[in-house]
């Protein structure tokens, strides 16, 4: 239980710092935004490399791997969406509907090679892919359908069930890798629920989708 709670709190802390840093520097100006994004990318690469060197410390290794996935997502999934601020037509919107084949292909390849990868690399890639997948689902619904389309309520309900499942599995298992995975997965599904609520304008959010 303590491992799961520590995973959620530490990950949420880094996730929140990353999220708000990108939001506020984007509003401040292009240079601060670019510097923040590059720092995040550097943190992501460093955390991934470091996580592989300390795999004897399961908790810290897995945590750094999770953080690496979040940091790299901050650069690829958030910053590059605004690439045209620096280079015309350089925007990379990996949550846009036309990226679905790429997302599916990457997930398929990961599942095929997952068992041959170090645990830390599995955590890092899983972290990135889960954020990408959940973000993609919501953005696809909001952009292609609408913010209040009936499927958004169904999907939010699915995320509620997944959050409950994640909590149950995290409490049930004693394997540290499984505890940390399910704790992090539950955090992401709970965050997705919050983003739907923000998207529906039921409560004020830190940004406009």
Protein backbone atom coordinates (compact mmCIF):
# COMPACT_ATOMS: atom_id res chain seq x y z
CA UNK A 1 0.00 0.00 0.00
CA UNK A 2 2.81 2.42 0.89
CA UNK A 3 4.60 1.66 -2.38
CA UNK A 4 1.48 2.36 -4.39
CA UNK A 5 0.77 5.60 -2.54
CA UNK A 6 4.35 6.78 -2.92
CA UNK A 7 4.21 5.98 -6.64
CA UNK A 8 1.01 7.99 -7.08
CA UNK A 9 2.13 11.00 -5.04
CA UNK A 10 5.64 11.29 -6.51
CA UNK A 11 4.43 10.70 -10.06
CA UNK A 12 1.55 13.13 -9.64
CA UNK A 13 3.96 15.73 -8.31
CA UNK A 14 6.23 15.46 -11.35
CA UNK A 15 3.25 15.22 -13.70
CA UNK A 16 1.75 18.39 -12.22
CA UNK A 17 5.03 20.30 -12.39
CA UNK A 18 5.55 19.24 -16.02
CA UNK A 19 2.01 20.09 -16.98
CA UNK A 20 1.91 23.52 -15.38
CA UNK A 21 5.44 24.44 -16.52
CA UNK A 22 4.43 23.87 -20.15
CA UNK A 23 1.15 25.74 -19.74
CA UNK A 24 2.66 28.81 -18.07
CA UNK A 25 5.81 29.07 -20.20
CA UNK A 26 3.68 28.73 -23.33
CA UNK A 27 1.78 31.80 -22.18
CA UNK A 28 4.99 33.61 -21.23
CA UNK A 29 6.72 33.40 -24.59
CA UNK A 30 8.37 31.18 -27.18
CA UNK A 31 11.85 31.19 -25.65
CA UNK A 32 10.81 30.09 -22.12
CA UNK A 33 8.51 27.49 -23.71
CA UNK A 34 11.33 26.11 -25.87
CA UNK A 35 13.78 26.00 -22.97
CA UNK A 36 11.25 24.19 -20.76
CA UNK A 37 10.53 21.64 -23.48
CA UNK A 38 14.22 20.92 -24.08
CA UNK A 39 14.84 20.56 -20.34
CA UNK A 40 11.98 18.07 -20.14
CA UNK A 41 13.37 16.08 -23.05
CA UNK A 42 16.77 16.03 -21.38
CA UNK A 43 15.23 14.90 -18.09
CA UNK A 44 13.37 12.16 -19.93
CA UNK A 45 16.51 10.77 -21.57
CA UNK A 46 18.58 11.07 -18.38
CA UNK A 47 15.90 9.41 -16.23
CA UNK A 48 15.61 6.52 -18.71
CA UNK A 49 19.37 5.92 -18.76
CA UNK A 50 19.66 6.27 -14.98
CA UNK A 51 16.77 3.88 -14.37
CA UNK A 52 18.65 1.10 -16.17
CA UNK A 53 21.77 1.61 -14.05
CA UNK A 54 20.00 1.25 -10.71
CA UNK A 55 17.65 -1.66 -11.41
CA UNK A 56 18.76 -3.24 -8.11
CA UNK A 57 16.65 -0.52 -6.46
CA UNK A 58 13.31 -1.57 -7.93
CA UNK A 59 11.25 1.35 -6.67
CA UNK A 60 13.60 4.13 -7.70
CA UNK A 61 14.38 2.48 -11.05
CA UNK A 62 10.70 2.08 -11.92
CA UNK A 63 9.88 5.58 -10.71
CA UNK A 64 12.59 7.16 -12.86
CA UNK A 65 11.37 5.13 -15.83
CA UNK A 66 7.82 6.37 -15.31
CA UNK A 67 9.09 9.94 -15.01
CA UNK A 68 11.08 9.53 -18.22
CA UNK A 69 7.90 8.59 -20.07
CA UNK A 70 6.08 11.64 -18.69
CA UNK A 71 8.94 14.00 -19.51
CA UNK A 72 9.34 12.72 -23.06
CA UNK A 73 5.57 12.97 -23.54
CA UNK A 74 5.79 16.59 -22.41
CA UNK A 75 8.17 17.24 -25.30
CA UNK A 76 6.62 15.03 -27.99
CA UNK A 77 2.95 15.11 -27.07
CA UNK A 78 2.61 18.66 -25.80
CA UNK A 79 5.45 20.88 -27.05
CA UNK A 80 5.58 19.54 -30.63
CA UNK A 81 1.85 20.20 -30.97
CA UNK A 82 2.87 23.87 -31.02
CA UNK A 83 5.84 23.39 -33.33
CA UNK A 84 4.51 26.03 -35.73
CA UNK A 85 5.36 28.66 -33.13
CA UNK A 86 8.98 28.18 -34.20
CA UNK A 87 8.87 26.65 -37.69
CA UNK A 88 5.92 27.10 -40.11
CA UNK A 89 3.84 23.93 -40.54
CA UNK A 90 6.05 22.04 -38.05
CA UNK A 91 3.17 21.08 -35.77
CA UNK A 92 3.12 17.39 -34.78
CA UNK A 93 -0.28 16.51 -33.33
CA UNK A 94 0.14 12.88 -32.33
CA UNK A 95 -3.29 12.91 -30.68
CA UNK A 96 -4.93 13.83 -34.01
CA UNK A 97 -7.12 11.20 -35.66
CA UNK A 98 -4.67 10.50 -38.53
CA UNK A 99 -2.05 9.23 -36.06
CA UNK A 100 -4.20 6.23 -35.13
CA UNK A 101 -2.36 3.75 -37.42
CA UNK A 102 0.97 4.85 -35.95
CA UNK A 103 -0.30 4.52 -32.38
CA UNK A 104 -1.71 1.06 -33.04
CA UNK A 105 1.51 -0.04 -34.77
CA UNK A 106 3.73 1.23 -31.95
CA UNK A 107 1.58 -0.51 -29.32
CA UNK A 108 1.64 -3.74 -31.35
CA UNK A 109 5.44 -3.65 -31.68
CA UNK A 110 5.85 -2.89 -27.98
CA UNK A 111 3.66 -5.83 -26.98
CA UNK A 112 5.67 -8.13 -29.26
CA UNK A 113 9.07 -7.16 -27.85
CA UNK A 114 8.07 -6.26 -24.29
CA UNK A 115 9.34 -9.48 -22.70
CA UNK A 116 12.80 -8.94 -24.20
CA UNK A 117 13.14 -5.47 -22.70
CA UNK A 118 14.51 -4.49 -19.31
CA UNK A 119 11.86 -3.71 -16.71
CA UNK A 120 12.86 -0.04 -16.61
CA UNK A 121 12.45 0.31 -20.37
CA UNK A 122 9.08 -1.42 -20.17
CA UNK A 123 7.96 1.09 -17.56
CA UNK A 124 9.20 4.06 -19.59
CA UNK A 125 7.56 2.95 -22.84
CA UNK A 126 4.38 1.92 -21.03
CA UNK A 127 4.26 5.32 -19.35
CA UNK A 128 4.54 7.14 -22.68
CA UNK A 129 2.14 4.86 -24.55
CA UNK A 130 -0.55 4.93 -21.86
CA UNK A 131 -0.51 8.73 -21.76
CA UNK A 132 -0.62 8.85 -25.56
CA UNK A 133 -3.48 6.33 -25.79
CA UNK A 134 -5.70 7.94 -23.15
CA UNK A 135 -5.02 11.44 -24.46
CA UNK A 136 -5.73 10.25 -28.01
CA UNK A 137 -9.11 8.77 -27.07
CA UNK A 138 -10.31 11.97 -25.43
CA UNK A 139 -8.98 14.36 -28.07
CA UNK A 140 -10.41 12.19 -30.87
CA UNK A 141 -13.85 12.32 -29.27
CA UNK A 142 -13.69 16.07 -28.63
CA UNK A 143 -12.40 16.96 -32.10
CA UNK A 144 -14.23 14.47 -34.33
CA UNK A 145 -17.48 14.09 -32.38
CA UNK A 146 -18.00 16.81 -29.74
CA UNK A 147 -17.18 17.59 -26.15
CA UNK A 148 -20.63 16.50 -25.03
CA UNK A 149 -21.16 13.57 -27.41
CA UNK A 150 -22.76 10.63 -25.61
CA UNK A 151 -19.64 8.51 -26.17
CA UNK A 152 -17.60 10.89 -24.00
CA UNK A 153 -19.79 10.00 -21.02
CA UNK A 154 -19.48 6.31 -21.80
CA UNK A 155 -15.69 6.56 -22.08
CA UNK A 156 -15.47 8.51 -18.85
CA UNK A 157 -17.48 5.72 -17.21
CA UNK A 158 -15.01 3.19 -18.60
CA UNK A 159 -12.15 5.16 -17.06
CA UNK A 160 -13.97 5.14 -13.72
CA UNK A 161 -14.18 1.33 -13.88
CA UNK A 162 -10.52 1.09 -14.90
CA UNK A 163 -9.53 3.28 -11.97
CA UNK A 164 -11.40 0.98 -9.59
CA UNK A 165 -9.78 -2.06 -11.22
CA UNK A 166 -6.33 -0.48 -10.90
CA UNK A 167 -6.84 0.24 -7.19
CA UNK A 168 -8.06 -3.31 -6.60
CA UNK A 169 -5.10 -4.85 -8.42
CA UNK A 170 -2.58 -2.57 -6.72
CA UNK A 171 -3.91 -3.58 -3.30
CA UNK A 172 -4.14 -7.25 -4.21
CA UNK A 173 -0.59 -7.86 -5.47
CA UNK A 174 2.66 -7.90 -3.51
CA UNK A 175 5.00 -7.71 -6.52
CA UNK A 176 6.57 -4.22 -6.51
CA UNK A 177 6.55 -3.95 -10.32
CA UNK A 178 2.85 -4.81 -10.46
CA UNK A 179 2.00 -2.49 -7.56
CA UNK A 180 3.76 0.43 -9.23
CA UNK A 181 2.27 -0.31 -12.65
CA UNK A 182 -1.31 -0.52 -11.40
CA UNK A 183 -0.86 2.53 -9.17
CA UNK A 184 0.42 4.57 -12.09
CA UNK A 185 -2.25 3.21 -14.43
CA UNK A 186 -4.92 4.19 -11.90
CA UNK A 187 -3.46 7.68 -11.65
CA UNK A 188 -3.64 8.11 -15.43
CA UNK A 189 -7.23 6.85 -15.68
CA UNK A 190 -8.26 9.12 -12.78
CA UNK A 191 -6.53 12.07 -14.52
CA UNK A 192 -8.43 11.21 -17.72
CA UNK A 193 -11.69 11.42 -15.78
CA UNK A 194 -10.68 14.87 -14.56
CA UNK A 195 -9.83 15.96 -18.11
CA UNK A 196 -13.29 14.90 -19.31
CA UNK A 197 -14.83 16.97 -16.52
CA UNK A 198 -12.67 19.92 -17.56
CA UNK A 199 -13.66 19.34 -21.17
CA UNK A 200 -17.35 19.43 -20.26
CA UNK A 201 -16.69 22.76 -18.46
CA UNK A 202 -18.21 21.40 -15.24
CA UNK A 203 -15.29 22.79 -13.26
CA UNK A 204 -12.54 25.26 -14.28
CA UNK A 205 -9.46 23.63 -15.76
CA UNK A 206 -5.86 24.85 -15.97
CA UNK A 207 -6.11 25.14 -19.73
CA UNK A 208 -8.59 25.05 -22.60
CA UNK A 209 -8.57 21.87 -24.66
